[in-house]
Amino acid sequence: MAKDKNTKNKNAEEERKAAEAAAEAAEKLEELPDTEVIEEEETAAAVETEEEDESLRDQFVRLQADFANFRNRTQRERIELYQRANEDLLLEVLPVLDHYEMGLQTAEQHHADKAVVDGFKMVYDQFQNVLKKFNLEPIEAVGQPFDPHKHEALTHMPSDKFPAEVCSNQVRRGYMFGDKLLRAAQVVVSSGPADNAAEGGE
């Protein structure tokens, strides 16, 4: 009888210990973080990081494009400013060159001392070479068909030497600045032989 009682007590003690161990294990299990929740949080953080990286890449690409546009615009404005400054300077120089040409022609017509005329021609040639370095080129007018984009017609006059609508005389030389017309050549345009002009007048 005593032996049965001891057995029952022992079994009860073991059941109690087993119940306590199970409760302790369950408590520890509750304390462990939920694996699914951790995975969801990690996934959300990875997506957020990827979105931030993509946003930064977009901002970087836009900044690069803005900088390239700014650099190109600044370079273009600098070139345009340089060209305008050259144009203004050349337009001021051209009247001086016109007077020099007229003085040289007058000296030749009046048979001035040849050494003096040759000296003035050398200076004139040097002047022209300097202007060519700045892409300034004189416009050929005499003997050329009248071109309203390059020539400014002052009058029409009969000419036995040049056919109608051909520049027969140049009053003031014109110049091209690169591909741009800096100053049109002032010319006299032939209306053809005098007989044809008279017949046309009748």
Protein backbone atom coordinates (compact mmCIF):
# COMPACT_ATOMS: atom_id res chain seq x y z
CA MET A 1 0.00 0.00 0.00
CA ALA A 2 2.79 2.40 0.90
CA LYS A 3 4.54 1.41 -2.25
CA ASP A 4 1.51 2.34 -4.39
CA LYS A 5 1.31 5.70 -2.69
CA ASN A 6 4.95 6.46 -3.38
CA THR A 7 4.49 5.49 -6.99
CA LYS A 8 1.51 7.84 -7.30
CA ASN A 9 3.45 10.69 -5.72
CA LYS A 10 6.37 10.08 -8.00
CA ASN A 11 4.10 10.06 -11.04
CA ALA A 12 2.41 13.26 -9.93
CA GLU A 13 5.79 14.91 -9.40
CA GLU A 14 6.90 13.88 -12.87
CA GLU A 15 3.65 15.16 -14.41
CA ARG A 16 4.10 18.45 -12.57
CA LYS A 17 7.67 18.83 -13.82
CA ALA A 18 6.61 17.90 -17.34
CA ALA A 19 3.82 20.49 -17.19
CA GLU A 20 6.27 23.16 -15.96
CA ALA A 21 8.76 22.30 -18.74
CA ALA A 22 6.00 22.49 -21.32
CA ALA A 23 4.83 25.84 -19.98
CA GLU A 24 8.39 27.17 -19.96
CA ALA A 25 8.94 25.97 -23.55
CA ALA A 26 5.68 27.58 -24.64
CA GLU A 27 6.72 30.84 -22.97
CA LYS A 28 10.07 30.82 -24.72
CA LEU A 29 8.37 30.04 -27.99
CA GLU A 30 6.13 33.07 -27.56
CA GLU A 31 9.19 35.22 -26.96
CA LEU A 32 10.74 34.20 -30.30
CA PRO A 33 10.07 36.68 -33.13
CA ASP A 34 7.66 35.68 -35.88
CA THR A 35 9.74 34.53 -38.90
CA GLU A 36 7.11 35.67 -41.39
CA VAL A 37 6.97 39.15 -39.85
CA ILE A 38 10.78 39.42 -40.07
CA GLU A 39 10.77 38.35 -43.72
CA GLU A 40 8.03 40.88 -44.55
CA GLU A 41 9.94 43.66 -42.81
CA GLU A 42 13.16 42.74 -44.61
CA THR A 43 11.33 42.64 -47.97
CA ALA A 44 9.74 46.05 -47.34
CA ALA A 45 13.12 47.53 -46.36
CA ALA A 46 14.76 46.08 -49.50
CA VAL A 47 12.00 47.54 -51.72
CA GLU A 48 12.32 50.92 -50.03
CA THR A 49 16.11 50.89 -50.46
CA GLU A 50 15.77 49.95 -54.13
CA GLU A 51 13.28 52.79 -54.70
CA GLU A 52 15.65 55.24 -53.02
CA ASP A 53 18.53 54.03 -55.19
CA GLU A 54 16.41 54.42 -58.34
CA SER A 55 15.38 57.92 -57.28
CA LEU A 56 19.02 58.89 -56.68
CA ARG A 57 20.02 57.49 -60.07
CA ASP A 58 17.27 59.52 -61.76
CA GLN A 59 18.39 62.67 -59.95
CA PHE A 60 22.01 62.03 -60.97
CA VAL A 61 21.06 61.52 -64.64
CA ARG A 62 18.98 64.72 -64.61
CA LEU A 63 21.84 66.66 -63.01
CA GLN A 64 24.23 65.37 -65.67
CA ALA A 65 21.83 66.42 -68.44
CA ASP A 66 21.29 69.85 -66.88
CA PHE A 67 25.03 70.39 -66.54
CA ALA A 68 25.67 69.33 -70.16
CA ASN A 69 22.95 71.74 -71.36
CA PHE A 70 24.36 74.53 -69.22
CA ARG A 71 27.89 73.92 -70.51
CA ASN A 72 26.75 73.86 -74.16
CA ARG A 73 24.64 77.00 -73.71
CA THR A 74 27.50 78.84 -72.01
CA GLN A 75 29.92 77.82 -74.74
CA ARG A 76 27.48 78.90 -77.45
CA GLU A 77 26.85 82.26 -75.77
CA ARG A 78 30.59 82.84 -75.40
CA ILE A 79 31.15 82.16 -79.13
CA GLU A 80 28.25 84.43 -80.09
CA LEU A 81 29.58 87.19 -77.84
CA TYR A 82 33.04 86.82 -79.38
CA GLN A 83 31.60 87.00 -82.90
CA ARG A 84 29.46 90.07 -82.10
CA ALA A 85 32.47 91.83 -80.61
CA ASN A 86 34.49 91.07 -83.77
CA GLU A 87 31.65 92.23 -86.00
CA ASP A 88 31.36 95.54 -84.16
CA LEU A 89 35.10 96.11 -84.35
CA LEU A 90 35.32 95.21 -88.06
CA LEU A 91 32.40 97.48 -88.92
CA GLU A 92 34.31 100.35 -87.33
CA VAL A 93 37.51 99.44 -89.20
CA LEU A 94 35.96 99.07 -92.68
CA PRO A 95 35.36 102.82 -93.31
CA VAL A 96 39.04 103.44 -92.54
CA LEU A 97 39.95 100.73 -95.05
CA ASP A 98 37.60 102.34 -97.62
CA HIS A 99 39.34 105.69 -97.30
CA TYR A 100 42.74 104.01 -97.54
CA GLU A 101 41.67 102.30 -100.81
CA MET A 102 40.36 105.59 -102.21
CA GLY A 103 43.61 107.35 -101.31
CA LEU A 104 45.63 104.59 -102.96
CA GLN A 105 43.54 104.79 -106.14
CA THR A 106 43.87 108.58 -106.22
CA ALA A 107 47.65 108.31 -105.83
CA GLU A 108 47.84 105.88 -108.75
CA GLN A 109 45.58 108.03 -110.94
CA HIS A 110 47.73 111.10 -110.32
CA HIS A 111 50.95 109.19 -110.97
CA ALA A 112 52.36 109.67 -107.50
CA ASP A 113 55.90 108.54 -106.77
CA LYS A 114 56.06 104.80 -107.47
CA ALA A 115 58.05 104.02 -104.31
CA VAL A 116 55.40 105.77 -102.20
CA VAL A 117 52.55 103.96 -103.95
CA ASP A 118 54.30 100.60 -103.57
CA GLY A 119 54.85 101.29 -99.87
CA PHE A 120 51.15 102.06 -99.38
CA LYS A 121 50.25 98.86 -101.29
CA MET A 122 52.42 96.80 -98.96
CA VAL A 123 50.67 98.27 -95.92
CA TYR A 124 47.30 97.67 -97.58
CA ASP A 125 48.17 94.01 -98.26
CA GLN A 126 49.25 93.54 -94.65
CA PHE A 127 45.98 95.07 -93.51
CA GLN A 128 44.02 92.65 -95.72
CA ASN A 129 45.98 89.65 -94.40
CA VAL A 130 45.18 90.62 -90.82
CA LEU A 131 41.48 90.86 -91.67
CA LYS A 132 41.55 87.45 -93.35
CA LYS A 133 42.80 85.94 -90.09
CA PHE A 134 39.47 87.02 -88.63
CA ASN A 135 37.57 85.30 -91.49
CA LEU A 136 36.84 88.59 -93.24
CA GLU A 137 36.74 88.14 -97.01
CA PRO A 138 36.06 90.83 -99.65
CA ILE A 139 33.13 90.24 -102.00
CA GLU A 140 33.98 90.11 -105.69
CA ALA A 141 31.47 92.32 -107.48
CA VAL A 142 32.64 93.68 -110.84
CA GLY A 143 31.79 91.25 -113.63
CA GLN A 144 29.62 89.13 -111.37
CA PRO A 145 25.86 88.67 -111.82
CA PHE A 146 23.92 90.91 -109.49
CA ASP A 147 23.13 89.06 -106.26
CA PRO A 148 20.71 90.88 -103.93
CA HIS A 149 22.07 88.83 -101.01
CA LYS A 150 25.57 90.27 -101.48
CA HIS A 151 25.19 93.40 -103.63
CA GLU A 152 23.40 96.69 -103.06
CA ALA A 153 22.42 98.25 -106.40
CA LEU A 154 22.85 102.03 -106.39
CA THR A 155 21.76 102.51 -110.01
CA HIS A 156 21.48 100.88 -113.45
CA MET A 157 23.62 102.20 -116.25
CA PRO A 158 24.16 101.13 -119.87
CA SER A 159 27.39 99.28 -120.52
CA ASP A 160 28.95 97.99 -123.71
CA LYS A 161 31.35 95.85 -121.68
CA PHE A 162 28.96 94.04 -119.37
CA PRO A 163 25.62 92.41 -120.19
CA ALA A 164 22.44 93.36 -118.39
CA GLU A 165 22.11 92.51 -114.68
CA VAL A 166 25.87 92.22 -114.23
CA CYS A 167 27.77 94.46 -111.82
CA SER A 168 29.68 96.92 -114.00
CA ASN A 169 31.26 99.04 -111.25
CA GLN A 170 31.89 98.86 -107.53
CA VAL A 171 31.33 101.99 -105.46
CA ARG A 172 32.08 100.45 -102.07
CA ARG A 173 33.56 97.04 -101.38
CA GLY A 174 31.47 94.49 -99.51
CA TYR A 175 32.70 91.89 -97.03
CA MET A 176 31.70 88.47 -95.74
CA PHE A 177 32.41 87.55 -92.13
CA GLY A 178 32.68 83.78 -92.37
CA ASP A 179 29.34 82.64 -93.80
CA LYS A 180 27.60 85.85 -92.74
CA LEU A 181 27.24 89.02 -94.78
CA LEU A 182 28.93 91.79 -92.83
CA ARG A 183 28.45 94.54 -95.40
CA ALA A 184 26.92 94.42 -98.87
CA ALA A 185 28.92 95.69 -101.83
CA GLN A 186 27.52 98.89 -103.32
CA VAL A 187 27.50 98.47 -107.09
CA VAL A 188 26.35 99.89 -110.38
CA VAL A 189 24.40 97.31 -112.36
CA SER A 190 24.62 97.14 -116.13
CA SER A 191 21.41 97.59 -118.10
CA GLY A 192 23.08 96.24 -121.23
CA PRO A 193 24.51 98.09 -124.29
CA ALA A 194 23.46 101.70 -124.72
CA ASP A 195 21.56 100.94 -127.98
CA ASN A 196 19.47 98.28 -126.25
CA ALA A 197 18.84 100.62 -123.35
CA ALA A 198 17.66 103.36 -125.74
CA GLU A 199 15.37 100.94 -127.55
CA GLY A 200 13.99 99.84 -124.24
CA GLY A 201 13.34 103.47 -123.32
CA GLU A 202 11.40 104.00 -126.57
